[in-house]
Amino acid sequence: MKWLACLRGLAGLAGLMLFLGSALPATVARMELHFSRGRESMHLGSLEARGRLLGKPYVQSLAGIRRLIPEGEGYFLVDAGPPGDASPLWVRYELAPRKAVLLGSLAALKPRDIRKVRRSALSWVVIASPSGAPARAVPRDEFVAEVAGAVDAMIR
């Protein structure tokens, strides 16, 4: 009986060694790849690294908006992307700690939303474009005139 337990232990050890022997080369190759990528991008600043990941125009547009809207001020956030696109969430995240007032989809804005924008003390409207496209900041009055002109054109 003892020899059977010893045999099972040796079989388990042999299986473990076989597994490690077959998995180790692939693991080492993958590890070398990740370390070489890390060495390449180690010298990059946060703006450059985010530019590589998200695209330079997108990151530059958000940096410009960050400079435009002071940290203590809020802004209206409008979604110009397709339904279900998470771009407004990412724009809001990138512009934090500025407070966002979400208006919803640009295509589905209602007259009451436009009145809310017109009467508000907030100065800026940030339009979040579909994923990867740069966001843009528009002064409140310009946005209201733009949207009102589009509504007038649809009515005619």
C-alpha atoms as a PDB file:
ATOM      1  CA  MET A   1       0.000   0.000   0.000  1.00  0.00           C
ATOM      2  CA  LYS A   2       2.858   2.358   0.831  1.00  0.00           C
ATOM      3  CA  TRP A   3       4.502   1.738  -2.495  1.00  0.00           C
ATOM      4  CA  LEU A   4       1.204   2.683  -4.287  1.00  0.00           C
ATOM      5  CA  ALA A   5       1.088   6.061  -2.486  1.00  0.00           C
ATOM      6  CA  CYS A   6       4.747   6.600  -3.341  1.00  0.00           C
ATOM      7  CA  LEU A   7       4.052   5.707  -6.989  1.00  0.00           C
ATOM      8  CA  ARG A   8       1.120   8.189  -7.113  1.00  0.00           C
ATOM      9  CA  GLY A   9       3.337  10.899  -5.663  1.00  0.00           C
ATOM     10  CA  LEU A  10       6.034  10.226  -8.246  1.00  0.00           C
ATOM     11  CA  ALA A  11       3.454  10.241 -11.056  1.00  0.00           C
ATOM     12  CA  GLY A  12       2.120  13.595  -9.829  1.00  0.00           C
ATOM     13  CA  LEU A  13       5.632  15.024  -9.617  1.00  0.00           C
ATOM     14  CA  ALA A  14       6.397  13.760 -13.128  1.00  0.00           C
ATOM     15  CA  GLY A  15       3.196  15.378 -14.442  1.00  0.00           C
ATOM     16  CA  LEU A  16       4.084  18.673 -12.774  1.00  0.00           C
ATOM     17  CA  MET A  17       7.599  18.581 -14.236  1.00  0.00           C
ATOM     18  CA  LEU A  18       6.192  17.808 -17.682  1.00  0.00           C
ATOM     19  CA  PHE A  19       3.769  20.722 -17.413  1.00  0.00           C
ATOM     20  CA  LEU A  20       6.462  23.160 -16.245  1.00  0.00           C
ATOM     21  CA  GLY A  21       8.852  21.945 -18.922  1.00  0.00           C
ATOM     22  CA  SER A  22       6.311  22.568 -21.681  1.00  0.00           C
ATOM     23  CA  ALA A  23       4.937  25.875 -20.330  1.00  0.00           C
ATOM     24  CA  LEU A  24       8.200  27.509 -19.320  1.00  0.00           C
ATOM     25  CA  PRO A  25       9.584  28.341 -22.826  1.00  0.00           C
ATOM     26  CA  ALA A  26       6.354  30.069 -23.909  1.00  0.00           C
ATOM     27  CA  THR A  27       6.147  31.954 -20.616  1.00  0.00           C
ATOM     28  CA  VAL A  28       9.737  33.160 -20.887  1.00  0.00           C
ATOM     29  CA  ALA A  29       9.183  34.290 -24.504  1.00  0.00           C
ATOM     30  CA  ARG A  30       6.035  36.222 -23.515  1.00  0.00           C
ATOM     31  CA  MET A  31       7.851  37.756 -20.547  1.00  0.00           C
ATOM     32  CA  GLU A  32      10.717  38.943 -22.788  1.00  0.00           C
ATOM     33  CA  LEU A  33       8.208  40.540 -25.166  1.00  0.00           C
ATOM     34  CA  HIS A  34       6.463  42.449 -22.357  1.00  0.00           C
ATOM     35  CA  PHE A  35       9.744  43.621 -20.836  1.00  0.00           C
ATOM     36  CA  SER A  36      11.044  44.845 -24.211  1.00  0.00           C
ATOM     37  CA  ARG A  37       7.812  46.813 -24.782  1.00  0.00           C
ATOM     38  CA  GLY A  38       8.137  48.249 -21.288  1.00  0.00           C
ATOM     39  CA  ARG A  39      11.729  49.319 -21.924  1.00  0.00           C
ATOM     40  CA  GLU A  40      10.686  51.055 -25.165  1.00  0.00           C
ATOM     41  CA  SER A  41       7.973  53.138 -23.511  1.00  0.00           C
ATOM     42  CA  MET A  42       9.611  53.647 -20.112  1.00  0.00           C
ATOM     43  CA  HIS A  43      10.900  57.115 -21.035  1.00  0.00           C
ATOM     44  CA  LEU A  44       7.496  58.402 -22.214  1.00  0.00           C
ATOM     45  CA  GLY A  45       5.573  60.966 -20.221  1.00  0.00           C
ATOM     46  CA  SER A  46       1.927  60.432 -19.345  1.00  0.00           C
ATOM     47  CA  LEU A  47       0.705  62.605 -22.235  1.00  0.00           C
ATOM     48  CA  GLU A  48       2.810  60.701 -24.779  1.00  0.00           C
ATOM     49  CA  ALA A  49       1.833  57.306 -23.377  1.00  0.00           C
ATOM     50  CA  ARG A  50      -1.874  58.181 -23.467  1.00  0.00           C
ATOM     51  CA  GLY A  51      -1.373  59.558 -26.988  1.00  0.00           C
ATOM     52  CA  ARG A  52       0.005  56.201 -28.116  1.00  0.00           C
ATOM     53  CA  LEU A  53      -2.896  54.360 -26.545  1.00  0.00           C
ATOM     54  CA  LEU A  54      -5.829  56.658 -27.344  1.00  0.00           C
ATOM     55  CA  GLY A  55      -4.525  58.644 -30.321  1.00  0.00           C
ATOM     56  CA  LYS A  56      -2.754  61.998 -30.304  1.00  0.00           C
ATOM     57  CA  PRO A  57      -5.648  64.129 -31.635  1.00  0.00           C
ATOM     58  CA  TYR A  58      -7.968  62.817 -28.904  1.00  0.00           C
ATOM     59  CA  VAL A  59      -5.465  63.439 -26.100  1.00  0.00           C
ATOM     60  CA  GLN A  60      -4.512  66.880 -27.450  1.00  0.00           C
ATOM     61  CA  SER A  61      -8.161  67.934 -27.690  1.00  0.00           C
ATOM     62  CA  LEU A  62      -8.754  66.949 -24.068  1.00  0.00           C
ATOM     63  CA  ALA A  63      -5.595  68.758 -22.943  1.00  0.00           C
ATOM     64  CA  GLY A  64      -6.834  71.886 -24.721  1.00  0.00           C
ATOM     65  CA  ILE A  65     -10.250  71.589 -23.073  1.00  0.00           C
ATOM     66  CA  ARG A  66      -8.564  71.092 -19.705  1.00  0.00           C
ATOM     67  CA  ARG A  67      -6.684  74.364 -20.209  1.00  0.00           C
ATOM     68  CA  LEU A  68      -9.863  76.121 -21.377  1.00  0.00           C
ATOM     69  CA  ILE A  69     -12.204  75.152 -18.519  1.00  0.00           C
ATOM     70  CA  PRO A  70     -10.933  75.956 -15.003  1.00  0.00           C
ATOM     71  CA  GLU A  71     -10.967  73.142 -12.449  1.00  0.00           C
ATOM     72  CA  GLY A  72     -13.675  74.708 -10.284  1.00  0.00           C
ATOM     73  CA  GLU A  73     -16.042  75.317 -13.201  1.00  0.00           C
ATOM     74  CA  GLY A  74     -18.566  72.894 -14.659  1.00  0.00           C
ATOM     75  CA  TYR A  75     -19.583  72.224 -18.255  1.00  0.00           C
ATOM     76  CA  PHE A  76     -22.381  70.640 -20.245  1.00  0.00           C
ATOM     77  CA  LEU A  77     -21.519  67.292 -21.817  1.00  0.00           C
ATOM     78  CA  VAL A  78     -23.237  66.202 -25.019  1.00  0.00           C
ATOM     79  CA  ASP A  79     -22.885  62.807 -26.687  1.00  0.00           C
ATOM     80  CA  ALA A  80     -22.410  63.018 -30.458  1.00  0.00           C
ATOM     81  CA  GLY A  81     -21.675  59.300 -30.848  1.00  0.00           C
ATOM     82  CA  PRO A  82     -23.938  56.347 -31.586  1.00  0.00           C
ATOM     83  CA  PRO A  83     -26.187  54.998 -28.811  1.00  0.00           C
ATOM     84  CA  GLY A  84     -24.291  52.880 -26.310  1.00  0.00           C
ATOM     85  CA  ASP A  85     -20.933  54.501 -27.048  1.00  0.00           C
ATOM     86  CA  ALA A  86     -19.053  55.216 -23.829  1.00  0.00           C
ATOM     87  CA  SER A  87     -17.171  58.263 -25.120  1.00  0.00           C
ATOM     88  CA  PRO A  88     -18.973  60.749 -22.800  1.00  0.00           C
ATOM     89  CA  LEU A  89     -17.914  58.685 -19.808  1.00  0.00           C
ATOM     90  CA  TRP A  90     -14.279  58.750 -20.876  1.00  0.00           C
ATOM     91  CA  VAL A  91     -14.384  62.485 -21.620  1.00  0.00           C
ATOM     92  CA  ARG A  92     -15.919  63.095 -18.206  1.00  0.00           C
ATOM     93  CA  TYR A  93     -13.208  60.952 -16.609  1.00  0.00           C
ATOM     94  CA  GLU A  94     -10.432  62.796 -18.445  1.00  0.00           C
ATOM     95  CA  LEU A  95     -11.809  66.233 -17.490  1.00  0.00           C
ATOM     96  CA  ALA A  96     -12.288  65.446 -13.795  1.00  0.00           C
ATOM     97  CA  PRO A  97     -12.494  67.199 -11.272  1.00  0.00           C
ATOM     98  CA  ARG A  98     -14.551  69.575 -13.427  1.00  0.00           C
ATOM     99  CA  LYS A  99     -18.240  68.851 -12.958  1.00  0.00           C
ATOM    100  CA  ALA A 100     -20.188  67.623 -15.975  1.00  0.00           C
ATOM    101  CA  VAL A 101     -23.894  68.138 -16.575  1.00  0.00           C
ATOM    102  CA  LEU A 102     -24.879  65.409 -19.007  1.00  0.00           C
ATOM    103  CA  LEU A 103     -27.433  66.535 -21.594  1.00  0.00           C
ATOM    104  CA  GLY A 104     -27.619  63.243 -23.454  1.00  0.00           C
ATOM    105  CA  SER A 105     -27.411  62.578 -27.157  1.00  0.00           C
ATOM    106  CA  LEU A 106     -26.922  65.486 -29.530  1.00  0.00           C
ATOM    107  CA  ALA A 107     -29.466  64.006 -31.936  1.00  0.00           C
ATOM    108  CA  ALA A 108     -32.098  63.691 -29.197  1.00  0.00           C
ATOM    109  CA  LEU A 109     -31.813  67.145 -27.602  1.00  0.00           C
ATOM    110  CA  LYS A 110     -35.180  68.597 -26.728  1.00  0.00           C
ATOM    111  CA  PRO A 111     -36.168  72.283 -26.560  1.00  0.00           C
ATOM    112  CA  ARG A 112     -36.182  72.099 -22.757  1.00  0.00           C
ATOM    113  CA  ASP A 113     -32.530  70.959 -22.849  1.00  0.00           C
ATOM    114  CA  ILE A 114     -31.611  73.913 -25.040  1.00  0.00           C
ATOM    115  CA  ARG A 115     -33.472  76.270 -22.669  1.00  0.00           C
ATOM    116  CA  LYS A 116     -31.555  74.708 -19.764  1.00  0.00           C
ATOM    117  CA  VAL A 117     -28.276  75.430 -21.521  1.00  0.00           C
ATOM    118  CA  ARG A 118     -29.321  78.970 -22.454  1.00  0.00           C
ATOM    119  CA  ARG A 119     -30.345  79.867 -18.873  1.00  0.00           C
ATOM    120  CA  SER A 120     -27.374  78.242 -17.161  1.00  0.00           C
ATOM    121  CA  ALA A 121     -24.352  79.992 -15.735  1.00  0.00           C
ATOM    122  CA  LEU A 122     -22.020  77.353 -17.200  1.00  0.00           C
ATOM    123  CA  SER A 123     -19.940  78.772 -20.043  1.00  0.00           C
ATOM    124  CA  TRP A 124     -18.911  75.688 -22.008  1.00  0.00           C
ATOM    125  CA  VAL A 125     -20.455  72.734 -23.806  1.00  0.00           C
ATOM    126  CA  VAL A 126     -18.158  69.769 -24.472  1.00  0.00           C
ATOM    127  CA  ILE A 127     -19.196  67.554 -27.360  1.00  0.00           C
ATOM    128  CA  ALA A 128     -17.935  63.981 -26.989  1.00  0.00           C
ATOM    129  CA  SER A 129     -17.467  62.470 -30.429  1.00  0.00           C
ATOM    130  CA  PRO A 130     -17.582  58.750 -31.210  1.00  0.00           C
ATOM    131  CA  SER A 131     -14.783  56.635 -29.730  1.00  0.00           C
ATOM    132  CA  GLY A 132     -11.335  57.815 -30.704  1.00  0.00           C
ATOM    133  CA  ALA A 133     -12.449  61.072 -32.353  1.00  0.00           C
ATOM    134  CA  PRO A 134     -11.379  64.306 -30.646  1.00  0.00           C
ATOM    135  CA  ALA A 135     -13.818  66.005 -28.311  1.00  0.00           C
ATOM    136  CA  ARG A 136     -14.489  69.696 -28.742  1.00  0.00           C
ATOM    137  CA  ALA A 137     -15.478  72.533 -26.437  1.00  0.00           C
ATOM    138  CA  VAL A 138     -17.919  75.150 -27.687  1.00  0.00           C
ATOM    139  CA  PRO A 139     -18.965  78.325 -25.898  1.00  0.00           C
ATOM    140  CA  ARG A 140     -22.527  78.011 -24.571  1.00  0.00           C
ATOM    141  CA  ASP A 141     -24.033  80.783 -26.742  1.00  0.00           C
ATOM    142  CA  GLU A 142     -22.418  79.419 -29.890  1.00  0.00           C
ATOM    143  CA  PHE A 143     -23.740  75.929 -29.134  1.00  0.00           C
ATOM    144  CA  VAL A 144     -27.288  77.239 -28.559  1.00  0.00           C
ATOM    145  CA  ALA A 145     -27.174  79.164 -31.851  1.00  0.00           C
ATOM    146  CA  GLU A 146     -25.806  76.103 -33.670  1.00  0.00           C
ATOM    147  CA  VAL A 147     -28.443  73.747 -32.288  1.00  0.00           C
ATOM    148  CA  ALA A 148     -31.278  76.256 -32.745  1.00  0.00           C
ATOM    149  CA  GLY A 149     -30.216  76.734 -36.381  1.00  0.00           C
ATOM    150  CA  ALA A 150     -30.252  72.966 -36.936  1.00  0.00           C
ATOM    151  CA  VAL A 151     -33.745  72.708 -35.379  1.00  0.00           C
ATOM    152  CA  ASP A 152     -35.014  75.573 -37.560  1.00  0.00           C
ATOM    153  CA  ALA A 153     -33.603  73.851 -40.647  1.00  0.00           C
ATOM    154  CA  MET A 154     -35.397  70.614 -39.734  1.00  0.00           C
ATOM    155  CA  ILE A 155     -38.717  72.387 -39.239  1.00  0.00           C
ATOM    156  CA  ARG A 156     -38.604  74.076 -42.645  1.00  0.00           C
END
